[in-house]
Amino acid sequence: MRLLVFNPNTNGALTEELVTRARECLAPHEVKGLTAASGARYIADAQGMAQARAAALESLTRGRVNAYDAVLLACFGDPGLDVLKQRLHRPVFGLAECAFAEALRRFGRFGVVTGGQDWPPLIRDLTDKTGYGAALVDVRAIEFFGEAARANPNRTLHALHHEAQTLIVRHGPIGIVLGGTGLAPWADPLSALLGFPVLCSWRAGLDRVVEHFGS
């Protein structure tokens, strides 16, 4: 199996990091990365999402993906996923779609914790459009994201923990989805603090790829 990981952000370093992680999880399968040529360095609002959708549709042509068996969109907003599924004639996986499906299967009800104050309405809109709106109880976002989140990992972890606890206090026993490729490194530490595993959207995407291809 040959997988193309497309990063709709323009951050090439993040693409390299994601490809490295994917290769570790999917070995011995082949994984290559592709970074958006234009748009936002980190997708944090509706404008960035629109740019990411345009970049995905421009970059992921049949000719470019012909050498791959599947495509993984490395963005929690799944930019352009609906069109790409119809256009490319091969499996195209979006992190949000994979995470929502897994959260619904495992928990029934779930909340999302992510980074960037403009993300909650985007995620609510996405769940409504994709049929997961009834299962989503709330979306909580920490203020910082991207390089700002990585600059102070302890601050980021405690902020994520606070938002996840807020969801649990307000809504009772629910699944917690950690949304965003940039926040994937905090999935295990956050799970340890909470005392139960959170569902990392990046890992959910990789798991879905493995499930689809059978190994």
N, C-alpha and C. Protein backbone atom coordinates (compact mmCIF):
# COMPACT_ATOMS: atom_id res chain seq x y z
N MET A 1 0.84 -1.19 0.00
CA MET A 1 0.00 0.00 0.00
C MET A 1 0.88 1.25 0.00
N ARG A 2 0.52 2.19 -0.84
CA ARG A 2 1.25 3.45 -0.93
C ARG A 2 0.29 4.58 -0.55
N LEU A 3 0.68 5.33 0.48
CA LEU A 3 -0.18 6.38 1.03
C LEU A 3 0.45 7.75 0.80
N LEU A 4 -0.36 8.70 0.35
CA LEU A 4 0.05 10.09 0.24
C LEU A 4 -0.58 10.89 1.37
N VAL A 5 0.24 11.50 2.21
CA VAL A 5 -0.24 12.38 3.28
C VAL A 5 -0.17 13.81 2.76
N PHE A 6 -1.33 14.45 2.63
CA PHE A 6 -1.37 15.82 2.14
C PHE A 6 -1.61 16.77 3.30
N ASN A 7 -0.68 17.71 3.50
CA ASN A 7 -0.80 18.72 4.54
C ASN A 7 -1.32 20.00 3.91
N PRO A 8 -2.58 20.39 4.20
CA PRO A 8 -3.14 21.61 3.60
C PRO A 8 -2.56 22.89 4.18
N ASN A 9 -1.78 22.79 5.27
CA ASN A 9 -1.00 23.93 5.75
C ASN A 9 0.25 24.07 4.88
N THR A 10 0.87 25.22 4.94
CA THR A 10 2.10 25.42 4.16
C THR A 10 3.35 25.12 4.98
N ASN A 11 3.19 24.52 6.14
CA ASN A 11 4.30 24.22 7.04
C ASN A 11 4.95 22.89 6.65
N GLY A 12 6.04 22.97 5.90
CA GLY A 12 6.70 21.76 5.43
C GLY A 12 7.30 20.92 6.54
N ALA A 13 7.75 21.57 7.62
CA ALA A 13 8.30 20.83 8.74
C ALA A 13 7.25 19.92 9.37
N LEU A 14 6.01 20.41 9.44
CA LEU A 14 4.93 19.59 9.98
C LEU A 14 4.67 18.39 9.07
N THR A 15 4.73 18.61 7.77
CA THR A 15 4.54 17.49 6.83
C THR A 15 5.57 16.40 7.09
N GLU A 16 6.82 16.79 7.23
CA GLU A 16 7.88 15.81 7.48
C GLU A 16 7.63 15.05 8.78
N GLU A 17 7.18 15.76 9.79
CA GLU A 17 6.90 15.13 11.08
C GLU A 17 5.76 14.12 10.95
N LEU A 18 4.71 14.50 10.23
CA LEU A 18 3.57 13.62 10.06
C LEU A 18 3.94 12.38 9.25
N VAL A 19 4.75 12.56 8.22
CA VAL A 19 5.17 11.42 7.41
C VAL A 19 6.01 10.46 8.25
N THR A 20 6.87 10.98 9.09
CA THR A 20 7.68 10.13 9.96
C THR A 20 6.79 9.31 10.88
N ARG A 21 5.80 9.97 11.48
CA ARG A 21 4.89 9.25 12.36
C ARG A 21 4.09 8.20 11.61
N ALA A 22 3.63 8.57 10.41
CA ALA A 22 2.83 7.63 9.62
C ALA A 22 3.65 6.41 9.23
N ARG A 23 4.91 6.61 8.88
CA ARG A 23 5.76 5.48 8.51
C ARG A 23 5.96 4.55 9.70
N GLU A 24 6.08 5.11 10.89
CA GLU A 24 6.24 4.28 12.08
C GLU A 24 5.00 3.42 12.32
N CYS A 25 3.83 3.98 12.05
CA CYS A 25 2.58 3.26 12.30
C CYS A 25 2.22 2.29 11.18
N LEU A 26 2.63 2.63 9.95
CA LEU A 26 2.17 1.87 8.79
C LEU A 26 3.23 0.97 8.17
N ALA A 27 4.42 0.92 8.76
CA ALA A 27 5.48 0.08 8.21
C ALA A 27 4.96 -1.36 8.03
N PRO A 28 5.31 -1.98 6.89
CA PRO A 28 6.31 -1.59 5.88
C PRO A 28 5.73 -0.84 4.69
N HIS A 29 4.53 -0.32 4.83
CA HIS A 29 3.91 0.37 3.70
C HIS A 29 4.65 1.67 3.38
N GLU A 30 4.50 2.13 2.14
CA GLU A 30 5.19 3.34 1.68
C GLU A 30 4.34 4.57 1.99
N VAL A 31 4.96 5.60 2.55
CA VAL A 31 4.27 6.84 2.87
C VAL A 31 5.08 8.00 2.31
N LYS A 32 4.42 8.87 1.57
CA LYS A 32 5.03 10.09 1.06
C LYS A 32 4.20 11.29 1.52
N GLY A 33 4.81 12.46 1.55
CA GLY A 33 4.12 13.66 1.98
C GLY A 33 4.07 14.72 0.89
N LEU A 34 3.06 15.55 0.96
CA LEU A 34 2.90 16.68 0.04
C LEU A 34 2.36 17.86 0.84
N THR A 35 2.99 19.02 0.68
CA THR A 35 2.60 20.22 1.41
C THR A 35 1.90 21.21 0.49
N ALA A 36 0.88 21.88 0.97
CA ALA A 36 0.18 22.89 0.19
C ALA A 36 1.16 23.98 -0.24
N ALA A 37 1.06 24.40 -1.49
CA ALA A 37 1.96 25.43 -2.02
C ALA A 37 1.52 26.82 -1.63
N SER A 38 0.27 26.98 -1.24
CA SER A 38 -0.24 28.30 -0.85
C SER A 38 -1.30 28.14 0.23
N GLY A 39 -1.56 29.24 0.93
CA GLY A 39 -2.55 29.21 2.00
C GLY A 39 -1.96 29.60 3.33
N ALA A 40 -2.54 29.08 4.39
CA ALA A 40 -2.11 29.45 5.74
C ALA A 40 -1.04 28.48 6.25
N ARG A 41 -0.12 29.01 7.05
CA ARG A 41 0.89 28.15 7.68
C ARG A 41 0.22 27.24 8.71
N TYR A 42 -0.80 27.77 9.34
CA TYR A 42 -1.61 26.97 10.25
C TYR A 42 -3.06 27.39 10.06
N ILE A 43 -3.93 26.44 9.75
CA ILE A 43 -5.34 26.74 9.50
C ILE A 43 -6.03 27.02 10.83
N ALA A 44 -6.49 28.26 10.98
CA ALA A 44 -7.03 28.65 12.28
C ALA A 44 -8.38 29.36 12.20
N ASP A 45 -8.91 29.55 10.98
CA ASP A 45 -10.18 30.26 10.85
C ASP A 45 -10.82 29.90 9.52
N ALA A 46 -11.98 30.50 9.24
CA ALA A 46 -12.73 30.18 8.03
C ALA A 46 -11.95 30.53 6.77
N GLN A 47 -11.22 31.63 6.81
CA GLN A 47 -10.42 32.01 5.65
C GLN A 47 -9.33 30.97 5.38
N GLY A 48 -8.64 30.56 6.43
CA GLY A 48 -7.62 29.54 6.27
C GLY A 48 -8.19 28.23 5.76
N MET A 49 -9.40 27.89 6.21
CA MET A 49 -10.04 26.66 5.75
C MET A 49 -10.40 26.76 4.27
N ALA A 50 -10.87 27.92 3.85
CA ALA A 50 -11.19 28.11 2.43
C ALA A 50 -9.93 28.00 1.58
N GLN A 51 -8.83 28.58 2.07
CA GLN A 51 -7.56 28.47 1.35
C GLN A 51 -7.08 27.03 1.29
N ALA A 52 -7.27 26.29 2.39
CA ALA A 52 -6.86 24.89 2.43
C ALA A 52 -7.67 24.05 1.46
N ARG A 53 -8.96 24.34 1.36
CA ARG A 53 -9.80 23.60 0.42
C ARG A 53 -9.33 23.86 -1.01
N ALA A 54 -9.06 25.12 -1.32
CA ALA A 54 -8.59 25.45 -2.66
C ALA A 54 -7.26 24.77 -2.96
N ALA A 55 -6.35 24.76 -1.97
CA ALA A 55 -5.05 24.13 -2.16
C ALA A 55 -5.19 22.63 -2.36
N ALA A 56 -6.08 22.00 -1.61
CA ALA A 56 -6.28 20.56 -1.75
C ALA A 56 -6.82 20.21 -3.13
N LEU A 57 -7.79 20.97 -3.59
CA LEU A 57 -8.39 20.68 -4.89
C LEU A 57 -7.42 20.97 -6.03
N GLU A 58 -6.56 21.95 -5.84
CA GLU A 58 -5.56 22.27 -6.86
C GLU A 58 -4.43 21.25 -6.88
N SER A 59 -4.00 20.81 -5.70
CA SER A 59 -2.83 19.94 -5.61
C SER A 59 -3.14 18.48 -5.88
N LEU A 60 -4.28 18.01 -5.41
CA LEU A 60 -4.57 16.58 -5.47
C LEU A 60 -5.36 16.24 -6.74
N THR A 61 -4.65 16.27 -7.84
CA THR A 61 -5.22 15.90 -9.12
C THR A 61 -5.04 14.40 -9.35
N ARG A 62 -5.77 13.85 -10.31
CA ARG A 62 -5.64 12.43 -10.61
C ARG A 62 -4.21 12.09 -11.00
N GLY A 63 -3.60 12.95 -11.80
CA GLY A 63 -2.23 12.69 -12.23
C GLY A 63 -1.25 12.65 -11.08
N ARG A 64 -1.43 13.53 -10.12
CA ARG A 64 -0.48 13.59 -9.00
C ARG A 64 -0.65 12.42 -8.05
N VAL A 65 -1.86 11.94 -7.87
CA VAL A 65 -2.07 10.86 -6.90
C VAL A 65 -2.11 9.49 -7.56
N ASN A 66 -1.87 9.43 -8.84
CA ASN A 66 -2.00 8.17 -9.57
C ASN A 66 -1.09 7.07 -9.03
N ALA A 67 0.05 7.46 -8.46
CA ALA A 67 1.02 6.47 -7.96
C ALA A 67 0.67 5.96 -6.57
N TYR A 68 -0.42 6.46 -5.96
CA TYR A 68 -0.75 6.11 -4.59
C TYR A 68 -2.07 5.34 -4.52
N ASP A 69 -2.18 4.52 -3.49
CA ASP A 69 -3.39 3.73 -3.29
C ASP A 69 -4.43 4.48 -2.48
N ALA A 70 -3.99 5.48 -1.71
CA ALA A 70 -4.91 6.23 -0.86
C ALA A 70 -4.30 7.58 -0.51
N VAL A 71 -5.17 8.50 -0.09
CA VAL A 71 -4.75 9.84 0.32
C VAL A 71 -5.30 10.11 1.71
N LEU A 72 -4.46 10.67 2.58
CA LEU A 72 -4.89 11.08 3.91
C LEU A 72 -4.75 12.60 4.02
N LEU A 73 -5.87 13.29 4.23
CA LEU A 73 -5.85 14.75 4.42
C LEU A 73 -5.46 15.04 5.86
N ALA A 74 -4.30 15.63 6.05
CA ALA A 74 -3.77 15.86 7.40
C ALA A 74 -4.25 17.19 7.95
N CYS A 75 -5.56 17.33 8.06
CA CYS A 75 -6.17 18.54 8.63
C CYS A 75 -7.50 18.15 9.24
N PHE A 76 -7.77 18.60 10.44
CA PHE A 76 -8.97 18.21 11.15
C PHE A 76 -10.24 18.75 10.49
N GLY A 77 -10.13 19.71 9.61
CA GLY A 77 -11.30 20.27 8.96
C GLY A 77 -11.71 19.56 7.69
N ASP A 78 -10.94 18.56 7.25
CA ASP A 78 -11.23 17.79 6.03
C ASP A 78 -11.50 18.68 4.81
N PRO A 79 -10.62 19.63 4.51
CA PRO A 79 -10.89 20.55 3.40
C PRO A 79 -10.90 19.85 2.04
N GLY A 80 -12.03 19.99 1.34
CA GLY A 80 -12.17 19.42 0.00
C GLY A 80 -12.45 17.94 -0.04
N LEU A 81 -12.68 17.30 1.10
CA LEU A 81 -12.84 15.85 1.15
C LEU A 81 -14.00 15.37 0.28
N ASP A 82 -15.10 16.09 0.31
CA ASP A 82 -16.28 15.66 -0.45
C ASP A 82 -15.98 15.58 -1.94
N VAL A 83 -15.32 16.60 -2.47
CA VAL A 83 -15.00 16.62 -3.91
C VAL A 83 -13.92 15.59 -4.24
N LEU A 84 -12.91 15.50 -3.40
CA LEU A 84 -11.78 14.60 -3.67
C LEU A 84 -12.22 13.15 -3.70
N LYS A 85 -13.17 12.76 -2.88
CA LYS A 85 -13.66 11.39 -2.89
C LYS A 85 -14.27 11.04 -4.24
N GLN A 86 -14.95 11.98 -4.84
CA GLN A 86 -15.58 11.74 -6.13
C GLN A 86 -14.57 11.81 -7.27
N ARG A 87 -13.58 12.66 -7.13
CA ARG A 87 -12.65 12.94 -8.23
C ARG A 87 -11.56 11.89 -8.38
N LEU A 88 -11.02 11.40 -7.28
CA LEU A 88 -9.76 10.67 -7.33
C LEU A 88 -9.89 9.16 -7.55
N HIS A 89 -11.07 8.60 -7.37
CA HIS A 89 -11.31 7.18 -7.63
C HIS A 89 -10.37 6.27 -6.83
N ARG A 90 -10.12 6.66 -5.60
CA ARG A 90 -9.34 5.86 -4.66
C ARG A 90 -9.72 6.35 -3.26
N PRO A 91 -9.43 5.59 -2.23
CA PRO A 91 -9.82 6.03 -0.88
C PRO A 91 -9.14 7.35 -0.50
N VAL A 92 -9.95 8.28 0.00
CA VAL A 92 -9.45 9.54 0.54
C VAL A 92 -10.00 9.65 1.95
N PHE A 93 -9.10 9.79 2.93
CA PHE A 93 -9.50 9.80 4.32
C PHE A 93 -9.29 11.19 4.92
N GLY A 94 -10.28 11.66 5.66
CA GLY A 94 -10.17 12.93 6.38
C GLY A 94 -10.11 12.67 7.87
N LEU A 95 -9.30 13.44 8.57
CA LEU A 95 -9.12 13.21 10.00
C LEU A 95 -10.40 13.39 10.79
N ALA A 96 -11.16 14.43 10.47
CA ALA A 96 -12.40 14.67 11.21
C ALA A 96 -13.40 13.55 10.98
N GLU A 97 -13.58 13.17 9.73
CA GLU A 97 -14.52 12.11 9.41
C GLU A 97 -14.14 10.82 10.14
N CYS A 98 -12.86 10.46 10.12
CA CYS A 98 -12.40 9.25 10.79
C CYS A 98 -12.59 9.34 12.30
N ALA A 99 -12.25 10.49 12.87
CA ALA A 99 -12.38 10.65 14.32
C ALA A 99 -13.84 10.65 14.76
N PHE A 100 -14.71 11.34 14.02
CA PHE A 100 -16.12 11.39 14.40
C PHE A 100 -16.74 9.99 14.32
N ALA A 101 -16.42 9.25 13.27
CA ALA A 101 -16.99 7.91 13.12
C ALA A 101 -16.54 7.00 14.26
N GLU A 102 -15.26 7.07 14.60
CA GLU A 102 -14.73 6.24 15.69
C GLU A 102 -15.31 6.67 17.03
N ALA A 103 -15.44 7.98 17.25
CA ALA A 103 -16.01 8.47 18.51
C ALA A 103 -17.46 8.04 18.66
N LEU A 104 -18.22 8.11 17.58
CA LEU A 104 -19.62 7.68 17.62
C LEU A 104 -19.71 6.19 17.94
N ARG A 105 -18.84 5.40 17.32
CA ARG A 105 -18.85 3.96 17.53
C ARG A 105 -18.48 3.60 18.97
N ARG A 106 -17.47 4.27 19.50
CA ARG A 106 -16.95 3.91 20.81
C ARG A 106 -17.72 4.53 21.97
N PHE A 107 -18.19 5.76 21.77
CA PHE A 107 -18.74 6.51 22.90
C PHE A 107 -20.20 6.92 22.73
N GLY A 108 -20.67 7.02 21.51
CA GLY A 108 -22.02 7.51 21.29
C GLY A 108 -22.09 9.02 21.30
N ARG A 109 -21.65 9.63 22.41
CA ARG A 109 -21.60 11.08 22.54
C ARG A 109 -20.14 11.49 22.75
N PHE A 110 -19.77 12.61 22.16
CA PHE A 110 -18.38 13.03 22.30
C PHE A 110 -18.26 14.55 22.26
N GLY A 111 -17.17 15.04 22.84
CA GLY A 111 -16.81 16.45 22.75
C GLY A 111 -15.45 16.57 22.09
N VAL A 112 -15.17 17.74 21.55
CA VAL A 112 -13.91 17.99 20.85
C VAL A 112 -13.11 19.04 21.59
N VAL A 113 -11.82 18.78 21.75
CA VAL A 113 -10.89 19.77 22.27
C VAL A 113 -9.86 20.05 21.18
N THR A 114 -9.66 21.32 20.88
CA THR A 114 -8.76 21.68 19.79
C THR A 114 -8.04 22.98 20.13
N GLY A 115 -7.28 23.51 19.17
CA GLY A 115 -6.53 24.75 19.39
C GLY A 115 -6.94 25.84 18.42
N GLY A 116 -7.21 27.03 18.94
CA GLY A 116 -7.62 28.16 18.11
C GLY A 116 -9.07 28.52 18.34
N GLN A 117 -9.33 29.74 18.77
CA GLN A 117 -10.67 30.15 19.19
C GLN A 117 -11.68 30.20 18.04
N ASP A 118 -11.23 30.22 16.80
CA ASP A 118 -12.15 30.26 15.66
C ASP A 118 -12.56 28.87 15.17
N TRP A 119 -12.00 27.83 15.76
CA TRP A 119 -12.29 26.47 15.31
C TRP A 119 -13.67 25.95 15.72
N PRO A 120 -14.19 26.23 16.92
CA PRO A 120 -15.46 25.61 17.33
C PRO A 120 -16.60 25.74 16.33
N PRO A 121 -16.90 26.94 15.80
CA PRO A 121 -18.01 26.98 14.84
C PRO A 121 -17.73 26.21 13.56
N LEU A 122 -16.46 26.14 13.15
CA LEU A 122 -16.12 25.36 11.96
C LEU A 122 -16.38 23.88 12.20
N ILE A 123 -16.02 23.41 13.38
CA ILE A 123 -16.22 21.99 13.69
C ILE A 123 -17.70 21.67 13.83
N ARG A 124 -18.45 22.55 14.48
CA ARG A 124 -19.89 22.31 14.61
C ARG A 124 -20.56 22.25 13.24
N ASP A 125 -20.16 23.16 12.36
CA ASP A 125 -20.71 23.17 11.01
C ASP A 125 -20.36 21.87 10.28
N LEU A 126 -19.13 21.41 10.45
CA LEU A 126 -18.71 20.18 9.79
C LEU A 126 -19.48 18.97 10.30
N THR A 127 -19.69 18.88 11.61
CA THR A 127 -20.45 17.74 12.14
C THR A 127 -21.90 17.77 11.65
N ASP A 128 -22.47 18.95 11.54
CA ASP A 128 -23.84 19.06 11.04
C ASP A 128 -23.93 18.59 9.59
N LYS A 129 -22.96 18.99 8.78
CA LYS A 129 -22.97 18.64 7.36
C LYS A 129 -22.70 17.17 7.12
N THR A 130 -21.96 16.54 8.02
CA THR A 130 -21.58 15.14 7.82
C THR A 130 -22.41 14.16 8.63
N GLY A 131 -23.41 14.65 9.34
CA GLY A 131 -24.33 13.76 10.04
C GLY A 131 -23.94 13.39 11.45
N TYR A 132 -22.94 14.05 12.01
CA TYR A 132 -22.50 13.74 13.37
C TYR A 132 -22.94 14.79 14.39
N GLY A 133 -23.75 15.74 13.97
CA GLY A 133 -24.12 16.84 14.84
C GLY A 133 -24.84 16.41 16.10
N ALA A 134 -25.67 15.39 16.01
CA ALA A 134 -26.43 14.94 17.18
C ALA A 134 -25.54 14.29 18.23
N ALA A 135 -24.39 13.75 17.80
CA ALA A 135 -23.49 13.09 18.74
C ALA A 135 -22.50 14.05 19.38
N LEU A 136 -22.29 15.19 18.76
CA LEU A 136 -21.35 16.18 19.30
C LEU A 136 -22.03 17.00 20.38
N VAL A 137 -21.46 16.99 21.60
CA VAL A 137 -22.07 17.74 22.69
C VAL A 137 -21.51 19.15 22.80
N ASP A 138 -20.23 19.33 22.44
CA ASP A 138 -19.63 20.66 22.56
C ASP A 138 -18.23 20.63 21.96
N VAL A 139 -17.71 21.81 21.66
CA VAL A 139 -16.34 21.98 21.19
C VAL A 139 -15.66 23.02 22.08
N ARG A 140 -14.51 22.67 22.60
CA ARG A 140 -13.73 23.59 23.43
C ARG A 140 -12.38 23.81 22.77
N ALA A 141 -11.90 25.03 22.79
CA ALA A 141 -10.63 25.35 22.14
C ALA A 141 -9.73 26.13 23.09
N ILE A 142 -8.46 25.73 23.10
CA ILE A 142 -7.47 26.52 23.83
C ILE A 142 -7.07 27.70 22.94
N GLU A 143 -6.51 28.71 23.54
CA GLU A 143 -6.25 29.96 22.82
C GLU A 143 -5.12 29.82 21.83
N PHE A 144 -4.08 29.05 22.14
CA PHE A 144 -2.88 29.04 21.31
C PHE A 144 -2.83 27.77 20.46
N PHE A 145 -2.07 27.85 19.37
CA PHE A 145 -1.98 26.75 18.42
C PHE A 145 -0.68 26.88 17.65
N GLY A 146 -0.36 25.87 16.84
CA GLY A 146 0.83 25.94 16.01
C GLY A 146 2.10 26.09 16.83
N GLU A 147 2.98 26.98 16.38
CA GLU A 147 4.26 27.20 17.05
C GLU A 147 4.07 27.70 18.49
N ALA A 148 3.01 28.46 18.72
CA ALA A 148 2.77 28.98 20.07
C ALA A 148 2.47 27.83 21.04
N ALA A 149 1.76 26.81 20.57
CA ALA A 149 1.47 25.66 21.42
C ALA A 149 2.74 24.88 21.72
N ARG A 150 3.59 24.74 20.73
CA ARG A 150 4.80 23.95 20.90
C ARG A 150 5.87 24.69 21.69
N ALA A 151 5.79 26.00 21.72
CA ALA A 151 6.79 26.77 22.44
C ALA A 151 6.72 26.53 23.94
N ASN A 152 5.54 26.19 24.43
CA ASN A 152 5.37 25.93 25.87
C ASN A 152 4.48 24.69 26.03
N PRO A 153 5.06 23.50 25.87
CA PRO A 153 4.25 22.28 25.87
C PRO A 153 3.50 22.02 27.17
N ASN A 154 4.08 22.40 28.30
CA ASN A 154 3.39 22.19 29.57
C ASN A 154 2.15 23.08 29.68
N ARG A 155 2.28 24.33 29.25
CA ARG A 155 1.13 25.22 29.25
C ARG A 155 0.03 24.66 28.34
N THR A 156 0.43 24.16 27.18
CA THR A 156 -0.54 23.60 26.25
C THR A 156 -1.24 22.39 26.85
N LEU A 157 -0.48 21.51 27.48
CA LEU A 157 -1.08 20.33 28.09
C LEU A 157 -2.09 20.70 29.15
N HIS A 158 -1.74 21.62 30.03
CA HIS A 158 -2.66 21.98 31.11
C HIS A 158 -3.89 22.70 30.58
N ALA A 159 -3.73 23.47 29.51
CA ALA A 159 -4.89 24.12 28.89
C ALA A 159 -5.83 23.08 28.27
N LEU A 160 -5.26 22.11 27.57
CA LEU A 160 -6.07 21.03 26.99
C LEU A 160 -6.79 20.24 28.09
N HIS A 161 -6.07 19.98 29.16
CA HIS A 161 -6.66 19.25 30.29
C HIS A 161 -7.84 20.01 30.88
N HIS A 162 -7.67 21.31 31.04
CA HIS A 162 -8.75 22.13 31.60
C HIS A 162 -9.99 22.06 30.72
N GLU A 163 -9.81 22.18 29.39
CA GLU A 163 -10.97 22.17 28.50
C GLU A 163 -11.63 20.80 28.47
N ALA A 164 -10.83 19.74 28.50
CA ALA A 164 -11.41 18.40 28.52
C ALA A 164 -12.20 18.16 29.80
N GLN A 165 -11.66 18.59 30.93
CA GLN A 165 -12.37 18.45 32.20
C GLN A 165 -13.67 19.26 32.20
N THR A 166 -13.64 20.43 31.57
CA THR A 166 -14.85 21.24 31.48
C THR A 166 -15.94 20.49 30.73
N LEU A 167 -15.57 19.82 29.64
CA LEU A 167 -16.54 19.03 28.89
C LEU A 167 -17.15 17.93 29.76
N ILE A 168 -16.31 17.25 30.52
CA ILE A 168 -16.79 16.13 31.33
C ILE A 168 -17.68 16.61 32.47
N VAL A 169 -17.30 17.71 33.10
CA VAL A 169 -18.11 18.25 34.19
C VAL A 169 -19.48 18.68 33.69
N ARG A 170 -19.51 19.29 32.53
CA ARG A 170 -20.77 19.82 32.00
C ARG A 170 -21.65 18.74 31.38
N HIS A 171 -21.04 17.71 30.81
CA HIS A 171 -21.82 16.76 30.00
C HIS A 171 -21.74 15.32 30.48
N GLY A 172 -21.01 15.06 31.55
CA GLY A 172 -20.93 13.70 32.06
C GLY A 172 -19.98 12.82 31.25
N PRO A 173 -20.14 11.50 31.36
CA PRO A 173 -19.24 10.57 30.67
C PRO A 173 -19.41 10.66 29.15
N ILE A 174 -18.41 11.18 28.49
CA ILE A 174 -18.42 11.29 27.03
C ILE A 174 -17.01 10.96 26.52
N GLY A 175 -16.92 10.71 25.23
CA GLY A 175 -15.62 10.57 24.61
C GLY A 175 -15.02 11.94 24.35
N ILE A 176 -13.70 12.01 24.40
CA ILE A 176 -13.00 13.26 24.13
C ILE A 176 -12.16 13.07 22.87
N VAL A 177 -12.43 13.89 21.87
CA VAL A 177 -11.66 13.89 20.63
C VAL A 177 -10.67 15.04 20.68
N LEU A 178 -9.39 14.72 20.50
CA LEU A 178 -8.36 15.75 20.40
C LEU A 178 -8.16 16.05 18.93
N GLY A 179 -8.60 17.23 18.50
CA GLY A 179 -8.64 17.55 17.08
C GLY A 179 -7.45 18.35 16.60
N GLY A 180 -6.81 17.88 15.53
CA GLY A 180 -5.73 18.64 14.92
C GLY A 180 -4.42 17.88 14.88
N THR A 181 -3.77 17.90 13.74
CA THR A 181 -2.48 17.21 13.62
C THR A 181 -1.43 17.82 14.54
N GLY A 182 -1.47 19.15 14.70
CA GLY A 182 -0.48 19.83 15.52
C GLY A 182 -0.55 19.48 16.99
N LEU A 183 -1.72 18.99 17.44
CA LEU A 183 -1.89 18.64 18.86
C LEU A 183 -1.68 17.16 19.13
N ALA A 184 -1.40 16.38 18.11
CA ALA A 184 -1.24 14.94 18.29
C ALA A 184 -0.20 14.56 19.35
N PRO A 185 0.93 15.29 19.48
CA PRO A 185 1.90 14.91 20.51
C PRO A 185 1.36 14.97 21.94
N TRP A 186 0.26 15.66 22.16
CA TRP A 186 -0.30 15.78 23.50
C TRP A 186 -1.35 14.72 23.81
N ALA A 187 -1.63 13.83 22.88
CA ALA A 187 -2.69 12.84 23.10
C ALA A 187 -2.37 11.93 24.28
N ASP A 188 -1.18 11.38 24.31
CA ASP A 188 -0.83 10.47 25.41
C ASP A 188 -0.70 11.19 26.74
N PRO A 189 -0.01 12.33 26.82
CA PRO A 189 0.04 13.04 28.10
C PRO A 189 -1.33 13.47 28.60
N LEU A 190 -2.21 13.89 27.68
CA LEU A 190 -3.56 14.30 28.09
C LEU A 190 -4.34 13.09 28.60
N SER A 191 -4.19 11.96 27.93
CA SER A 191 -4.86 10.74 28.39
C SER A 191 -4.40 10.37 29.80
N ALA A 192 -3.11 10.52 30.06
CA ALA A 192 -2.57 10.19 31.38
C ALA A 192 -3.16 11.10 32.46
N LEU A 193 -3.29 12.37 32.16
CA LEU A 193 -3.85 13.30 33.13
C LEU A 193 -5.32 13.02 33.40
N LEU A 194 -6.06 12.69 32.35
CA LEU A 194 -7.49 12.45 32.50
C LEU A 194 -7.79 11.10 33.13
N GLY A 195 -6.88 10.16 32.94
CA GLY A 195 -7.10 8.82 33.46
C GLY A 195 -7.85 7.91 32.52
N PHE A 196 -8.04 8.33 31.29
CA PHE A 196 -8.66 7.49 30.26
C PHE A 196 -8.17 7.98 28.89
N PRO A 197 -8.20 7.14 27.87
CA PRO A 197 -7.64 7.54 26.58
C PRO A 197 -8.52 8.52 25.82
N VAL A 198 -7.90 9.59 25.32
CA VAL A 198 -8.60 10.47 24.40
C VAL A 198 -8.45 9.91 22.99
N LEU A 199 -9.32 10.33 22.10
CA LEU A 199 -9.27 9.88 20.72
C LEU A 199 -8.57 10.95 19.90
N CYS A 200 -7.35 10.65 19.48
CA CYS A 200 -6.55 11.59 18.69
C CYS A 200 -6.98 11.52 17.23
N SER A 201 -7.32 12.65 16.63
CA SER A 201 -7.81 12.64 15.25
C SER A 201 -6.76 12.14 14.27
N TRP A 202 -5.49 12.48 14.50
CA TRP A 202 -4.43 12.01 13.62
C TRP A 202 -4.31 10.49 13.69
N ARG A 203 -4.34 9.95 14.89
CA ARG A 203 -4.25 8.51 15.04
C ARG A 203 -5.48 7.83 14.45
N ALA A 204 -6.65 8.46 14.60
CA ALA A 204 -7.87 7.89 14.04
C ALA A 204 -7.76 7.76 12.53
N GLY A 205 -7.15 8.76 11.88
CA GLY A 205 -6.96 8.68 10.44
C GLY A 205 -6.05 7.54 10.04
N LEU A 206 -4.93 7.40 10.75
CA LEU A 206 -4.00 6.30 10.46
C LEU A 206 -4.65 4.94 10.71
N ASP A 207 -5.39 4.84 11.80
CA ASP A 207 -6.06 3.57 12.11
C ASP A 207 -7.07 3.20 11.03
N ARG A 208 -7.73 4.20 10.50
CA ARG A 208 -8.72 3.93 9.44
C ARG A 208 -8.03 3.44 8.17
N VAL A 209 -6.88 3.99 7.87
CA VAL A 209 -6.10 3.53 6.71
C VAL A 209 -5.73 2.05 6.90
N VAL A 210 -5.22 1.72 8.08
CA VAL A 210 -4.83 0.34 8.38
C VAL A 210 -6.04 -0.59 8.26
N GLU A 211 -7.17 -0.15 8.82
CA GLU A 211 -8.38 -0.96 8.78
C GLU A 211 -8.82 -1.20 7.35
N HIS A 212 -8.75 -0.16 6.53
CA HIS A 212 -9.22 -0.27 5.16
C HIS A 212 -8.38 -1.26 4.36
N PHE A 213 -7.07 -1.22 4.55
CA PHE A 213 -6.19 -2.06 3.76
C PHE A 213 -5.87 -3.39 4.44
N GLY A 214 -6.36 -3.57 5.65
CA GLY A 214 -6.29 -4.89 6.26
C GLY A 214 -5.03 -5.23 7.00
N SER A 215 -4.05 -4.31 7.09
CA SER A 215 -2.83 -4.61 7.83
C SER A 215 -2.05 -3.35 8.05
